[in-house]
Every structure is written in structure tokens, then in C-alpha cells.
Amino acid sequence: MNRIDISHLPLRPTIHKKNATIAQVQGNQSFVNHLQKATKNGTLKISKHANERMIERNIHISEQEWKQMSQKVYEARAKGVKQPLVLMNQAALIVSAKNETVITAMERSETKNQIFTNIDGTIVL
């Protein structure tokens, strides 16, 4: 009878889940890090429409605020949010987390009597 050498096998078996997602296997925080690395610079793009609205309404967002907003959008995306409303002190933005793009922007004062549709999450900064 032949002997099988098992000395090179790990002590604990590796368990592979058939349909596990990356977030389940590596943890949500790791997923967010991978997601940010997969994007060019970890910040959101601005659609032509949103850019026009920001110019018309004189909305200026600092680089630090963009980074913070981008990070929160990526975190929301990791939790399954596809299109969040981002509320900032001076502006309200609707973002496509899937496309990593700001879709539209308005001054915060304009949001008082508005109804926001087609959003599935809210980020308050």
C-alpha cells in the first residue's frame, strides 16, 4: 500500500463559498479599499449637466469636501446604495454610485420644497 505524504498540507482547510461576494470573503472595509484603488483617484466625476448647474448656481466645493463625499459614496455603494442624495452645507447633489458620477447639483436653499425621486440612500455631510 502506498503512503500519502500530508506534511505539506495546511493545518486548517480552506473553505470556499460557492457564491460568496468579495465583501463577504474579505470584509466590507477591505472591499471599500479595493473599490477606491480600482478608480483612478478615488474621487467622483461630474456630469456635464451637474457641471452646468454648479456654474449657474455658483456652487463651489473644496477638494477636501470632494474627497470626503467620494469616500462616503464609495462606502454607501459597498452597502448596496446605487443613487444617493448627498446633503452638504451649501449644496445637495444626486450621485450615481454605480457610475461614480455626480448627476445633478443644487443649492441647499433650493431643497426646501423639493421631492427627490429615484434615490435609495442619503448621505449627510
Protein backbone atom coordinates (compact mmCIF):
# COMPACT_ATOMS: atom_id res chain seq x y z
CA MET A 1 0.00 0.00 0.00
CA ASN A 2 1.28 3.47 -0.91
CA ARG A 3 1.73 6.09 1.77
CA ILE A 4 0.45 9.61 1.17
CA ASP A 5 2.65 12.43 2.42
CA ILE A 6 0.40 15.05 4.09
CA SER A 7 3.11 17.03 5.84
CA HIS A 8 2.86 19.86 3.28
CA LEU A 9 -0.90 20.36 3.74
CA PRO A 10 -2.12 23.26 5.88
CA LEU A 11 -3.43 22.50 9.35
CA ARG A 12 -6.73 24.24 8.64
CA PRO A 13 -8.67 23.58 5.47
CA THR A 14 -9.54 26.49 3.23
CA ILE A 15 -13.29 26.93 2.90
CA HIS A 16 -14.57 28.38 -0.35
CA LYS A 17 -18.15 29.57 -0.51
CA LYS A 18 -19.63 28.86 -3.90
CA ASN A 19 -21.48 32.16 -4.33
CA ALA A 20 -19.67 34.41 -1.84
CA THR A 21 -19.12 38.03 -2.79
CA ILE A 22 -15.84 39.87 -2.37
CA ALA A 23 -17.30 41.83 0.56
CA GLN A 24 -18.29 38.62 2.36
CA VAL A 25 -14.91 36.99 1.84
CA GLN A 26 -12.63 39.94 2.62
CA GLY A 27 -14.81 42.21 4.76
CA ASN A 28 -16.57 45.44 3.90
CA GLN A 29 -13.70 47.79 4.76
CA SER A 30 -11.35 45.83 2.53
CA PHE A 31 -13.94 45.98 -0.24
CA VAL A 32 -14.13 49.77 0.03
CA ASN A 33 -10.32 49.97 -0.19
CA HIS A 34 -10.28 47.77 -3.30
CA LEU A 35 -13.08 49.79 -4.82
CA GLN A 36 -11.20 53.05 -4.29
CA LYS A 37 -8.00 51.60 -5.74
CA ALA A 38 -9.93 50.43 -8.78
CA THR A 39 -10.99 54.00 -9.52
CA LYS A 40 -8.47 56.42 -10.95
CA ASN A 41 -8.01 58.73 -8.00
CA GLY A 42 -10.81 57.83 -5.61
CA THR A 43 -12.91 60.88 -6.46
CA LEU A 44 -16.16 61.26 -8.32
CA LYS A 45 -16.63 62.61 -11.82
CA ILE A 46 -19.07 65.42 -12.62
CA SER A 47 -21.57 65.06 -15.45
CA LYS A 48 -21.95 67.85 -17.96
CA HIS A 49 -25.41 68.62 -16.56
CA ALA A 50 -24.14 68.79 -12.96
CA ASN A 51 -21.21 70.95 -14.01
CA GLU A 52 -23.56 73.42 -15.72
CA ARG A 53 -25.79 73.54 -12.63
CA MET A 54 -22.82 74.15 -10.34
CA ILE A 55 -21.65 77.03 -12.52
CA GLU A 56 -25.16 78.54 -12.82
CA ARG A 57 -25.76 78.31 -9.09
CA ASN A 58 -22.25 79.36 -8.10
CA ILE A 59 -21.65 76.19 -6.08
CA HIS A 60 -18.03 75.68 -5.03
CA ILE A 61 -16.92 72.54 -3.23
CA SER A 62 -13.42 72.28 -1.79
CA GLU A 63 -11.06 69.44 -2.63
CA GLN A 64 -11.32 68.15 0.95
CA GLU A 65 -15.14 68.11 0.70
CA TRP A 66 -14.93 66.22 -2.62
CA LYS A 67 -12.66 63.60 -1.07
CA GLN A 68 -14.96 63.19 1.92
CA MET A 69 -18.03 62.95 -0.30
CA SER A 70 -16.32 60.44 -2.59
CA GLN A 71 -15.35 58.26 0.34
CA LYS A 72 -18.90 58.27 1.71
CA VAL A 73 -20.37 57.48 -1.71
CA TYR A 74 -18.00 54.50 -2.07
CA GLU A 75 -18.98 53.31 1.41
CA ALA A 76 -22.66 53.64 0.50
CA ARG A 77 -22.02 51.77 -2.75
CA ALA A 78 -20.40 48.93 -0.82
CA LYS A 79 -23.63 48.70 1.20
CA GLY A 80 -25.75 48.46 -1.96
CA VAL A 81 -26.77 52.10 -2.43
CA LYS A 82 -26.98 52.92 -6.12
CA GLN A 83 -28.08 56.55 -6.23
CA PRO A 84 -27.66 58.59 -3.03
CA LEU A 85 -28.66 62.14 -2.27
CA VAL A 86 -25.66 63.94 -0.75
CA LEU A 87 -26.56 66.85 1.53
CA MET A 88 -23.78 69.33 2.25
CA ASN A 89 -23.89 72.73 3.96
CA GLN A 90 -24.02 74.66 0.68
CA ALA A 91 -25.34 72.08 -1.81
CA ALA A 92 -27.41 68.99 -2.47
CA LEU A 93 -26.10 66.53 -5.03
CA ILE A 94 -27.51 63.39 -6.57
CA VAL A 95 -24.81 60.87 -7.38
CA SER A 96 -24.73 57.69 -9.41
CA ALA A 97 -22.61 55.45 -7.20
CA LYS A 98 -22.53 52.82 -9.94
CA ASN A 99 -21.05 55.26 -12.49
CA GLU A 100 -19.12 57.26 -9.86
CA THR A 101 -20.65 60.43 -11.27
CA VAL A 102 -22.42 63.46 -9.82
CA ILE A 103 -25.67 63.66 -11.82
CA THR A 104 -27.08 66.99 -10.67
CA ALA A 105 -26.48 69.72 -8.12
CA MET A 106 -28.50 72.45 -6.46
CA GLU A 107 -28.03 74.99 -3.71
CA ARG A 108 -29.10 73.76 -0.32
CA SER A 109 -31.69 76.55 -0.10
CA GLU A 110 -33.42 75.13 -3.21
CA THR A 111 -34.08 71.81 -1.48
CA LYS A 112 -36.77 73.10 0.89
CA ASN A 113 -39.85 72.30 -1.21
CA GLN A 114 -38.34 69.63 -3.43
CA ILE A 115 -39.29 65.99 -3.77
CA PHE A 116 -36.34 63.76 -4.56
CA THR A 117 -37.15 60.63 -6.55
CA ASN A 118 -35.05 57.71 -7.74
CA ILE A 119 -32.70 57.85 -4.78
CA ASP A 120 -32.08 54.92 -2.47
CA GLY A 121 -29.95 56.50 0.21
CA THR A 122 -28.94 59.79 1.78
CA ILE A 123 -25.50 60.97 2.87
CA VAL A 124 -25.40 63.98 5.20
CA LEU A 125 -22.03 65.75 5.41
